[in-house]
Amino acid sequence: MFLGAHGNYYGMNAKYEKLTAGGNPFLDPDGYRAFVAKSEQAR
């Protein structure tokens, strides 16, 4: 489950809207990997 200190880290607003469609949009391994890769490049 990809969460962070700030909702913009993981697209909280978009994920929250998808909750009503079923499933759990917070389970996002691809989004997590993309965030980590972007963070590592910023170093």
N, C-alpha and C. Protein backbone atom coordinates (compact mmCIF):
# COMPACT_ATOMS: atom_id res chain seq x y z
N MET A 1 0.86 -1.17 0.00
CA MET A 1 0.00 0.00 0.00
C MET A 1 0.90 1.22 0.00
N PHE A 2 0.74 2.05 -1.01
CA PHE A 2 1.59 3.22 -1.17
C PHE A 2 0.89 4.44 -0.59
N LEU A 3 1.38 4.89 0.55
CA LEU A 3 0.90 6.10 1.19
C LEU A 3 2.11 6.96 1.54
N GLY A 4 1.89 8.21 1.77
CA GLY A 4 2.99 9.10 2.13
C GLY A 4 2.49 10.20 3.05
N ALA A 5 3.40 11.06 3.47
CA ALA A 5 3.07 12.14 4.39
C ALA A 5 2.13 13.15 3.75
N HIS A 6 2.17 13.26 2.45
CA HIS A 6 1.32 14.21 1.72
C HIS A 6 0.59 13.47 0.61
N GLY A 7 -0.68 13.74 0.46
CA GLY A 7 -1.50 13.06 -0.54
C GLY A 7 -1.02 13.23 -1.97
N ASN A 8 -0.34 14.35 -2.25
CA ASN A 8 0.13 14.55 -3.62
C ASN A 8 1.28 13.62 -3.97
N TYR A 9 1.91 12.99 -3.00
CA TYR A 9 2.96 12.00 -3.28
C TYR A 9 2.42 10.82 -4.07
N TYR A 10 1.17 10.45 -3.77
CA TYR A 10 0.62 9.22 -4.35
C TYR A 10 -0.72 9.43 -5.05
N GLY A 11 -1.07 10.67 -5.38
CA GLY A 11 -2.31 10.95 -6.10
C GLY A 11 -3.56 10.65 -5.30
N MET A 12 -3.60 11.09 -4.04
CA MET A 12 -4.68 10.75 -3.14
C MET A 12 -6.06 11.12 -3.70
N ASN A 13 -6.23 12.29 -4.25
CA ASN A 13 -7.55 12.70 -4.72
C ASN A 13 -8.06 11.77 -5.82
N ALA A 14 -7.23 11.45 -6.78
CA ALA A 14 -7.64 10.56 -7.87
C ALA A 14 -7.93 9.17 -7.35
N LYS A 15 -7.12 8.68 -6.42
CA LYS A 15 -7.34 7.34 -5.87
C LYS A 15 -8.62 7.29 -5.04
N TYR A 16 -8.88 8.34 -4.28
CA TYR A 16 -10.08 8.38 -3.45
C TYR A 16 -11.33 8.30 -4.32
N GLU A 17 -11.33 9.01 -5.45
CA GLU A 17 -12.48 8.96 -6.35
C GLU A 17 -12.71 7.56 -6.90
N LYS A 18 -11.64 6.80 -7.09
CA LYS A 18 -11.75 5.45 -7.65
C LYS A 18 -12.26 4.43 -6.64
N LEU A 19 -12.27 4.77 -5.36
CA LEU A 19 -12.74 3.82 -4.35
C LEU A 19 -14.19 3.40 -4.60
N THR A 20 -14.99 4.29 -5.09
CA THR A 20 -16.40 3.95 -5.32
C THR A 20 -16.57 2.99 -6.49
N ALA A 21 -15.56 2.88 -7.36
CA ALA A 21 -15.64 1.98 -8.51
C ALA A 21 -15.32 0.54 -8.14
N GLY A 22 -14.88 0.32 -6.93
CA GLY A 22 -14.53 -1.03 -6.49
C GLY A 22 -13.03 -1.23 -6.50
N GLY A 23 -12.59 -2.22 -5.81
CA GLY A 23 -11.16 -2.47 -5.70
C GLY A 23 -10.51 -1.49 -4.75
N ASN A 24 -9.21 -1.55 -4.67
CA ASN A 24 -8.48 -0.67 -3.79
C ASN A 24 -7.38 0.03 -4.59
N PRO A 25 -7.62 1.27 -5.01
CA PRO A 25 -6.63 1.99 -5.81
C PRO A 25 -5.37 2.34 -5.03
N PHE A 26 -5.40 2.19 -3.71
CA PHE A 26 -4.21 2.49 -2.91
C PHE A 26 -3.18 1.37 -2.99
N LEU A 27 -3.56 0.21 -3.49
CA LEU A 27 -2.61 -0.86 -3.76
C LEU A 27 -2.06 -0.60 -5.16
N ASP A 28 -0.91 0.06 -5.22
CA ASP A 28 -0.39 0.59 -6.48
C ASP A 28 1.13 0.37 -6.57
N PRO A 29 1.56 -0.87 -6.83
CA PRO A 29 3.00 -1.12 -6.88
C PRO A 29 3.71 -0.35 -8.00
N ASP A 30 3.04 -0.15 -9.13
CA ASP A 30 3.67 0.61 -10.22
C ASP A 30 3.84 2.07 -9.84
N GLY A 31 2.84 2.64 -9.21
CA GLY A 31 2.93 4.03 -8.75
C GLY A 31 4.03 4.20 -7.72
N TYR A 32 4.17 3.23 -6.84
CA TYR A 32 5.23 3.27 -5.83
C TYR A 32 6.61 3.23 -6.49
N ARG A 33 6.79 2.31 -7.42
CA ARG A 33 8.09 2.20 -8.10
C ARG A 33 8.42 3.48 -8.87
N ALA A 34 7.41 4.08 -9.51
CA ALA A 34 7.63 5.32 -10.25
C ALA A 34 8.05 6.45 -9.31
N PHE A 35 7.40 6.52 -8.13
CA PHE A 35 7.75 7.55 -7.16
C PHE A 35 9.17 7.36 -6.65
N VAL A 36 9.55 6.14 -6.34
CA VAL A 36 10.90 5.86 -5.86
C VAL A 36 11.93 6.21 -6.94
N ALA A 37 11.68 5.82 -8.17
CA ALA A 37 12.62 6.12 -9.26
C ALA A 37 12.77 7.62 -9.44
N LYS A 38 11.67 8.35 -9.39
CA LYS A 38 11.73 9.81 -9.53
C LYS A 38 12.49 10.44 -8.37
N SER A 39 12.28 9.94 -7.17
CA SER A 39 12.97 10.45 -5.99
C SER A 39 14.47 10.18 -6.07
N GLU A 40 14.84 9.01 -6.55
CA GLU A 40 16.25 8.67 -6.66
C GLU A 40 16.95 9.53 -7.72
N GLN A 41 16.25 9.88 -8.79
CA GLN A 41 16.82 10.72 -9.83
C GLN A 41 17.02 12.16 -9.35
N ALA A 42 16.20 12.58 -8.39
CA ALA A 42 16.28 13.95 -7.88
C ALA A 42 17.48 14.15 -6.95
N ARG A 43 18.12 13.10 -6.56
CA ARG A 43 19.26 13.22 -5.63
C ARG A 43 20.44 13.87 -6.28
